[in-house]
Amino acid sequence: MLAEIIQAMLWSISPFGEAKVGIPYAILNGVNPIVAFIFCFIANVLVFPVMYFFLHFINKHFLKWRFYKSNAIKV
């Protein structure tokens, strides 16, 4: 059951599946629907803070490059 929950969470994190695939995948593999919803929802919501931190970190280091800085400011 733990393997199915982890796979469902990975589907919920991926841009191809999100929670639309993660929750049904977990339910079809025998996970309780409430447990599937809770874990997939949490995985889906945690994508934003992780991506925000990653993009902020990368942007801070890439702004030292002239090419990146000029194009990032235009965008």
PDB file of N, CA and C in Angstrom:
ATOM      1  N   MET A   1       0.826  -1.192   0.000  1.00  0.00           N
ATOM      2  CA  MET A   1       0.000   0.000   0.000  1.00  0.00           C
ATOM      3  C   MET A   1       0.867   1.252   0.000  1.00  0.00           C
ATOM      4  N   LEU A   2       1.982   1.217   0.686  1.00  0.00           N
ATOM      5  CA  LEU A   2       2.865   2.382   0.727  1.00  0.00           C
ATOM      6  C   LEU A   2       3.425   2.699  -0.657  1.00  0.00           C
ATOM      7  N   ALA A   3       3.748   1.666  -1.421  1.00  0.00           N
ATOM      8  CA  ALA A   3       4.278   1.873  -2.772  1.00  0.00           C
ATOM      9  C   ALA A   3       3.239   2.544  -3.669  1.00  0.00           C
ATOM     10  N   GLU A   4       1.981   2.160  -3.536  1.00  0.00           N
ATOM     11  CA  GLU A   4       0.923   2.767  -4.340  1.00  0.00           C
ATOM     12  C   GLU A   4       0.709   4.235  -3.959  1.00  0.00           C
ATOM     13  N   ILE A   5       0.806   4.531  -2.667  1.00  0.00           N
ATOM     14  CA  ILE A   5       0.649   5.926  -2.229  1.00  0.00           C
ATOM     15  C   ILE A   5       1.802   6.770  -2.758  1.00  0.00           C
ATOM     16  N   ILE A   6       3.006   6.250  -2.706  1.00  0.00           N
ATOM     17  CA  ILE A   6       4.160   7.003  -3.206  1.00  0.00           C
ATOM     18  C   ILE A   6       4.040   7.218  -4.710  1.00  0.00           C
ATOM     19  N   GLN A   7       3.633   6.199  -5.445  1.00  0.00           N
ATOM     20  CA  GLN A   7       3.457   6.356  -6.887  1.00  0.00           C
ATOM     21  C   GLN A   7       2.354   7.363  -7.190  1.00  0.00           C
ATOM     22  N   ALA A   8       1.278   7.331  -6.435  1.00  0.00           N
ATOM     23  CA  ALA A   8       0.193   8.294  -6.635  1.00  0.00           C
ATOM     24  C   ALA A   8       0.670   9.711  -6.326  1.00  0.00           C
ATOM     25  N   MET A   9       1.490   9.861  -5.295  1.00  0.00           N
ATOM     26  CA  MET A   9       2.031  11.183  -4.972  1.00  0.00           C
ATOM     27  C   MET A   9       2.950  11.671  -6.087  1.00  0.00           C
ATOM     28  N   LEU A  10       3.735  10.778  -6.657  1.00  0.00           N
ATOM     29  CA  LEU A  10       4.592  11.163  -7.773  1.00  0.00           C
ATOM     30  C   LEU A  10       3.768  11.575  -8.987  1.00  0.00           C
ATOM     31  N   TRP A  11       2.658  10.887  -9.236  1.00  0.00           N
ATOM     32  CA  TRP A  11       1.757  11.310 -10.313  1.00  0.00           C
ATOM     33  C   TRP A  11       1.169  12.682  -9.999  1.00  0.00           C
ATOM     34  N   SER A  12       0.876  12.937  -8.738  1.00  0.00           N
ATOM     35  CA  SER A  12       0.303  14.223  -8.349  1.00  0.00           C
ATOM     36  C   SER A  12       1.301  15.364  -8.486  1.00  0.00           C
ATOM     37  N   ILE A  13       2.573  15.057  -8.343  1.00  0.00           N
ATOM     38  CA  ILE A  13       3.610  16.078  -8.471  1.00  0.00           C
ATOM     39  C   ILE A  13       3.918  16.361  -9.940  1.00  0.00           C
ATOM     40  N   SER A  14       3.838  15.350 -10.773  1.00  0.00           N
ATOM     41  CA  SER A  14       4.248  15.515 -12.170  1.00  0.00           C
ATOM     42  C   SER A  14       3.296  16.447 -12.913  1.00  0.00           C
ATOM     43  N   PRO A  15       3.821  17.208 -13.873  1.00  0.00           N
ATOM     44  CA  PRO A  15       2.949  18.109 -14.633  1.00  0.00           C
ATOM     45  C   PRO A  15       2.023  17.356 -15.588  1.00  0.00           C
ATOM     46  N   PHE A  16       2.301  16.093 -15.860  1.00  0.00           N
ATOM     47  CA  PHE A  16       1.456  15.322 -16.759  1.00  0.00           C
ATOM     48  C   PHE A  16       0.213  14.779 -16.066  1.00  0.00           C
ATOM     49  N   GLY A  17       0.324  14.489 -14.799  1.00  0.00           N
ATOM     50  CA  GLY A  17      -0.783  13.856 -14.120  1.00  0.00           C
ATOM     51  C   GLY A  17      -1.520  14.751 -13.164  1.00  0.00           C
ATOM     52  N   GLU A  18      -0.775  15.396 -12.300  1.00  0.00           N
ATOM     53  CA  GLU A  18      -1.321  16.175 -11.199  1.00  0.00           C
ATOM     54  C   GLU A  18      -2.281  15.298 -10.396  1.00  0.00           C
ATOM     55  N   ALA A  19      -3.160  15.911  -9.661  1.00  0.00           N
ATOM     56  CA  ALA A  19      -4.069  15.137  -8.815  1.00  0.00           C
ATOM     57  C   ALA A  19      -5.139  14.436  -9.643  1.00  0.00           C
ATOM     58  N   LYS A  20      -5.323  14.859 -10.890  1.00  0.00           N
ATOM     59  CA  LYS A  20      -6.326  14.231 -11.750  1.00  0.00           C
ATOM     60  C   LYS A  20      -5.972  12.791 -12.072  1.00  0.00           C
ATOM     61  N   VAL A  21      -4.708  12.463 -12.019  1.00  0.00           N
ATOM     62  CA  VAL A  21      -4.277  11.089 -12.277  1.00  0.00           C
ATOM     63  C   VAL A  21      -3.882  10.393 -10.980  1.00  0.00           C
ATOM     64  N   GLY A  22      -3.286  11.120 -10.056  1.00  0.00           N
ATOM     65  CA  GLY A  22      -2.790  10.529  -8.821  1.00  0.00           C
ATOM     66  C   GLY A  22      -3.877   9.917  -7.959  1.00  0.00           C
ATOM     67  N   ILE A  23      -4.950  10.640  -7.772  1.00  0.00           N
ATOM     68  CA  ILE A  23      -6.035  10.142  -6.912  1.00  0.00           C
ATOM     69  C   ILE A  23      -6.714   8.914  -7.524  1.00  0.00           C
ATOM     70  N   PRO A  24      -7.139   8.954  -8.782  1.00  0.00           N
ATOM     71  CA  PRO A  24      -7.736   7.729  -9.348  1.00  0.00           C
ATOM     72  C   PRO A  24      -6.764   6.550  -9.389  1.00  0.00           C
ATOM     73  N   TYR A  25      -5.484   6.837  -9.640  1.00  0.00           N
ATOM     74  CA  TYR A  25      -4.487   5.753  -9.645  1.00  0.00           C
ATOM     75  C   TYR A  25      -4.441   5.070  -8.283  1.00  0.00           C
ATOM     76  N   ALA A  26      -4.420   5.855  -7.235  1.00  0.00           N
ATOM     77  CA  ALA A  26      -4.364   5.276  -5.885  1.00  0.00           C
ATOM     78  C   ALA A  26      -5.631   4.486  -5.576  1.00  0.00           C
ATOM     79  N   ILE A  27      -6.770   5.039  -5.932  1.00  0.00           N
ATOM     80  CA  ILE A  27      -8.040   4.360  -5.638  1.00  0.00           C
ATOM     81  C   ILE A  27      -8.134   3.049  -6.411  1.00  0.00           C
ATOM     82  N   LEU A  28      -7.707   3.064  -7.682  1.00  0.00           N
ATOM     83  CA  LEU A  28      -7.751   1.838  -8.480  1.00  0.00           C
ATOM     84  C   LEU A  28      -6.788   0.775  -7.974  1.00  0.00           C
ATOM     85  N   ASN A  29      -5.780   1.180  -7.222  1.00  0.00           N
ATOM     86  CA  ASN A  29      -4.827   0.223  -6.657  1.00  0.00           C
ATOM     87  C   ASN A  29      -5.142  -0.140  -5.211  1.00  0.00           C
ATOM     88  N   GLY A  30      -6.346   0.156  -4.760  1.00  0.00           N
ATOM     89  CA  GLY A  30      -6.802  -0.325  -3.472  1.00  0.00           C
ATOM     90  C   GLY A  30      -6.533   0.575  -2.279  1.00  0.00           C
ATOM     91  N   VAL A  31      -6.153   1.826  -2.507  1.00  0.00           N
ATOM     92  CA  VAL A  31      -5.924   2.754  -1.400  1.00  0.00           C
ATOM     93  C   VAL A  31      -7.265   3.383  -1.026  1.00  0.00           C
ATOM     94  N   ASN A  32      -7.473   3.594   0.247  1.00  0.00           N
ATOM     95  CA  ASN A  32      -8.680   4.253   0.733  1.00  0.00           C
ATOM     96  C   ASN A  32      -8.807   5.612   0.045  1.00  0.00           C
ATOM     97  N   PRO A  33      -9.996   5.959  -0.479  1.00  0.00           N
ATOM     98  CA  PRO A  33     -10.156   7.233  -1.196  1.00  0.00           C
ATOM     99  C   PRO A  33      -9.798   8.472  -0.371  1.00  0.00           C
ATOM    100  N   ILE A  34     -10.083   8.453   0.906  1.00  0.00           N
ATOM    101  CA  ILE A  34      -9.756   9.609   1.759  1.00  0.00           C
ATOM    102  C   ILE A  34      -8.240   9.732   1.915  1.00  0.00           C
ATOM    103  N   VAL A  35      -7.572   8.612   2.134  1.00  0.00           N
ATOM    104  CA  VAL A  35      -6.110   8.623   2.250  1.00  0.00           C
ATOM    105  C   VAL A  35      -5.489   9.064   0.931  1.00  0.00           C
ATOM    106  N   ALA A  36      -6.020   8.555  -0.180  1.00  0.00           N
ATOM    107  CA  ALA A  36      -5.513   8.938  -1.498  1.00  0.00           C
ATOM    108  C   ALA A  36      -5.671  10.435  -1.715  1.00  0.00           C
ATOM    109  N   PHE A  37      -6.825  10.982  -1.375  1.00  0.00           N
ATOM    110  CA  PHE A  37      -7.055  12.411  -1.554  1.00  0.00           C
ATOM    111  C   PHE A  37      -6.096  13.235  -0.710  1.00  0.00           C
ATOM    112  N   ILE A  38      -5.935  12.870   0.553  1.00  0.00           N
ATOM    113  CA  ILE A  38      -5.082  13.642   1.458  1.00  0.00           C
ATOM    114  C   ILE A  38      -3.641  13.662   0.962  1.00  0.00           C
ATOM    115  N   PHE A  39      -3.080  12.499   0.660  1.00  0.00           N
ATOM    116  CA  PHE A  39      -1.676  12.440   0.251  1.00  0.00           C
ATOM    117  C   PHE A  39      -1.446  13.078  -1.115  1.00  0.00           C
ATOM    118  N   CYS A  40      -2.345  12.848  -2.057  1.00  0.00           N
ATOM    119  CA  CYS A  40      -2.176  13.442  -3.390  1.00  0.00           C
ATOM    120  C   CYS A  40      -2.390  14.946  -3.358  1.00  0.00           C
ATOM    121  N   PHE A  41      -3.315  15.401  -2.545  1.00  0.00           N
ATOM    122  CA  PHE A  41      -3.543  16.842  -2.413  1.00  0.00           C
ATOM    123  C   PHE A  41      -2.323  17.527  -1.806  1.00  0.00           C
ATOM    124  N   ILE A  42      -1.776  16.936  -0.751  1.00  0.00           N
ATOM    125  CA  ILE A  42      -0.582  17.513  -0.118  1.00  0.00           C
ATOM    126  C   ILE A  42       0.582  17.539  -1.108  1.00  0.00           C
ATOM    127  N   ALA A  43       0.778  16.467  -1.855  1.00  0.00           N
ATOM    128  CA  ALA A  43       1.862  16.428  -2.839  1.00  0.00           C
ATOM    129  C   ALA A  43       1.662  17.492  -3.911  1.00  0.00           C
ATOM    130  N   ASN A  44       0.427  17.672  -4.342  1.00  0.00           N
ATOM    131  CA  ASN A  44       0.126  18.654  -5.377  1.00  0.00           C
ATOM    132  C   ASN A  44       0.329  20.076  -4.866  1.00  0.00           C
ATOM    133  N   VAL A  45      -0.014  20.338  -3.626  1.00  0.00           N
ATOM    134  CA  VAL A  45       0.131  21.678  -3.059  1.00  0.00           C
ATOM    135  C   VAL A  45       1.593  21.998  -2.770  1.00  0.00           C
ATOM    136  N   LEU A  46       2.381  21.005  -2.410  1.00  0.00           N
ATOM    137  CA  LEU A  46       3.786  21.247  -2.080  1.00  0.00           C
ATOM    138  C   LEU A  46       4.653  21.536  -3.306  1.00  0.00           C
ATOM    139  N   VAL A  47       4.106  21.367  -4.488  1.00  0.00           N
ATOM    140  CA  VAL A  47       4.877  21.672  -5.692  1.00  0.00           C
ATOM    141  C   VAL A  47       5.214  23.159  -5.748  1.00  0.00           C
ATOM    142  N   PHE A  48       4.280  24.019  -5.392  1.00  0.00           N
ATOM    143  CA  PHE A  48       4.502  25.459  -5.499  1.00  0.00           C
ATOM    144  C   PHE A  48       5.662  25.951  -4.635  1.00  0.00           C
ATOM    145  N   PRO A  49       5.707  25.664  -3.325  1.00  0.00           N
ATOM    146  CA  PRO A  49       6.832  26.177  -2.542  1.00  0.00           C
ATOM    147  C   PRO A  49       8.178  25.617  -2.990  1.00  0.00           C
ATOM    148  N   VAL A  50       8.200  24.357  -3.406  1.00  0.00           N
ATOM    149  CA  VAL A  50       9.451  23.767  -3.866  1.00  0.00           C
ATOM    150  C   VAL A  50       9.908  24.446  -5.155  1.00  0.00           C
ATOM    151  N   MET A  51       9.000  24.638  -6.102  1.00  0.00           N
ATOM    152  CA  MET A  51       9.364  25.300  -7.360  1.00  0.00           C
ATOM    153  C   MET A  51       9.740  26.753  -7.124  1.00  0.00           C
ATOM    154  N   TYR A  52       9.052  27.435  -6.239  1.00  0.00           N
ATOM    155  CA  TYR A  52       9.375  28.829  -5.949  1.00  0.00           C
ATOM    156  C   TYR A  52      10.787  28.937  -5.375  1.00  0.00           C
ATOM    157  N   PHE A  53      11.123  28.081  -4.428  1.00  0.00           N
ATOM    158  CA  PHE A  53      12.462  28.091  -3.849  1.00  0.00           C
ATOM    159  C   PHE A  53      13.509  27.777  -4.907  1.00  0.00           C
ATOM    160  N   PHE A  54      13.248  26.760  -5.733  1.00  0.00           N
ATOM    161  CA  PHE A  54      14.191  26.360  -6.767  1.00  0.00           C
ATOM    162  C   PHE A  54      14.398  27.487  -7.777  1.00  0.00           C
ATOM    163  N   LEU A  55      13.315  28.090  -8.243  1.00  0.00           N
ATOM    164  CA  LEU A  55      13.443  29.162  -9.230  1.00  0.00           C
ATOM    165  C   LEU A  55      14.118  30.388  -8.638  1.00  0.00           C
ATOM    166  N   HIS A  56      13.828  30.692  -7.399  1.00  0.00           N
ATOM    167  CA  HIS A  56      14.476  31.830  -6.738  1.00  0.00           C
ATOM    168  C   HIS A  56      15.977  31.578  -6.604  1.00  0.00           C
ATOM    169  N   PHE A  57      16.348  30.386  -6.212  1.00  0.00           N
ATOM    170  CA  PHE A  57      17.753  30.018  -6.047  1.00  0.00           C
ATOM    171  C   PHE A  57      18.491  30.077  -7.386  1.00  0.00           C
ATOM    172  N   ILE A  58      17.903  29.482  -8.421  1.00  0.00           N
ATOM    173  CA  ILE A  58      18.523  29.463  -9.749  1.00  0.00           C
ATOM    174  C   ILE A  58      18.616  30.878 -10.302  1.00  0.00           C
ATOM    175  N   ASN A  59      17.555  31.646 -10.176  1.00  0.00           N
ATOM    176  CA  ASN A  59      17.535  33.007 -10.699  1.00  0.00           C
ATOM    177  C   ASN A  59      18.605  33.866 -10.035  1.00  0.00           C
ATOM    178  N   LYS A  60      18.796  33.708  -8.736  1.00  0.00           N
ATOM    179  CA  LYS A  60      19.791  34.485  -8.011  1.00  0.00           C
ATOM    180  C   LYS A  60      21.194  34.221  -8.550  1.00  0.00           C
ATOM    181  N   HIS A  61      21.487  32.982  -8.869  1.00  0.00           N
ATOM    182  CA  HIS A  61      22.821  32.631  -9.362  1.00  0.00           C
ATOM    183  C   HIS A  61      22.992  32.942 -10.849  1.00  0.00           C
ATOM    184  N   PHE A  62      21.920  32.808 -11.618  1.00  0.00           N
ATOM    185  CA  PHE A  62      22.036  33.076 -13.055  1.00  0.00           C
ATOM    186  C   PHE A  62      22.060  34.568 -13.376  1.00  0.00           C
ATOM    187  N   LEU A  63      21.573  35.406 -12.484  1.00  0.00           N
ATOM    188  CA  LEU A  63      21.582  36.842 -12.760  1.00  0.00           C
ATOM    189  C   LEU A  63      22.997  37.414 -12.846  1.00  0.00           C
ATOM    190  N   LYS A  64      23.976  36.650 -12.455  1.00  0.00           N
ATOM    191  CA  LYS A  64      25.365  37.089 -12.580  1.00  0.00           C
ATOM    192  C   LYS A  64      25.824  37.055 -14.043  1.00  0.00           C
ATOM    193  N   TRP A  65      25.140  36.290 -14.879  1.00  0.00           N
ATOM    194  CA  TRP A  65      25.495  36.191 -16.293  1.00  0.00           C
ATOM    195  C   TRP A  65      24.756  37.272 -17.076  1.00  0.00           C
ATOM    196  N   ARG A  66      25.487  37.992 -17.864  1.00  0.00           N
ATOM    197  CA  ARG A  66      24.937  39.136 -18.593  1.00  0.00           C
ATOM    198  C   ARG A  66      23.824  38.708 -19.555  1.00  0.00           C
ATOM    199  N   PHE A  67      24.057  37.626 -20.299  1.00  0.00           N
ATOM    200  CA  PHE A  67      23.059  37.152 -21.263  1.00  0.00           C
ATOM    201  C   PHE A  67      21.749  36.804 -20.552  1.00  0.00           C
ATOM    202  N   TYR A  68      21.841  36.067 -19.467  1.00  0.00           N
ATOM    203  CA  TYR A  68      20.632  35.671 -18.733  1.00  0.00           C
ATOM    204  C   TYR A  68      19.933  36.884 -18.147  1.00  0.00           C
ATOM    205  N   LYS A  69      20.703  37.805 -17.569  1.00  0.00           N
ATOM    206  CA  LYS A  69      20.115  38.969 -16.925  1.00  0.00           C
ATOM    207  C   LYS A  69      19.358  39.831 -17.925  1.00  0.00           C
ATOM    208  N   SER A  70      19.938  40.066 -19.088  1.00  0.00           N
ATOM    209  CA  SER A  70      19.265  40.907 -20.083  1.00  0.00           C
ATOM    210  C   SER A  70      17.975  40.261 -20.582  1.00  0.00           C
ATOM    211  N   ASN A  71      17.981  38.950 -20.774  1.00  0.00           N
ATOM    212  CA  ASN A  71      16.784  38.260 -21.234  1.00  0.00           C
ATOM    213  C   ASN A  71      15.750  38.081 -20.123  1.00  0.00           C
ATOM    214  N   ALA A  72      16.191  37.874 -18.907  1.00  0.00           N
ATOM    215  CA  ALA A  72      15.255  37.708 -17.787  1.00  0.00           C
ATOM    216  C   ALA A  72      14.515  39.005 -17.506  1.00  0.00           C
ATOM    217  N   ILE A  73      15.190  40.111 -17.640  1.00  0.00           N
ATOM    218  CA  ILE A  73      14.543  41.406 -17.409  1.00  0.00           C
ATOM    219  C   ILE A  73      13.501  41.690 -18.478  1.00  0.00           C
ATOM    220  N   LYS A  74      13.785  41.281 -19.715  1.00  0.00           N
ATOM    221  CA  LYS A  74      12.801  41.454 -20.801  1.00  0.00           C
ATOM    222  C   LYS A  74      11.546  40.621 -20.560  1.00  0.00           C
ATOM    223  N   VAL A  75      11.736  39.434 -20.025  1.00  0.00           N
ATOM    224  CA  VAL A  75      10.589  38.547 -19.800  1.00  0.00           C
ATOM    225  C   VAL A  75       9.802  39.068 -18.637  1.00  0.00           C
TER     226      VAL A  75
END
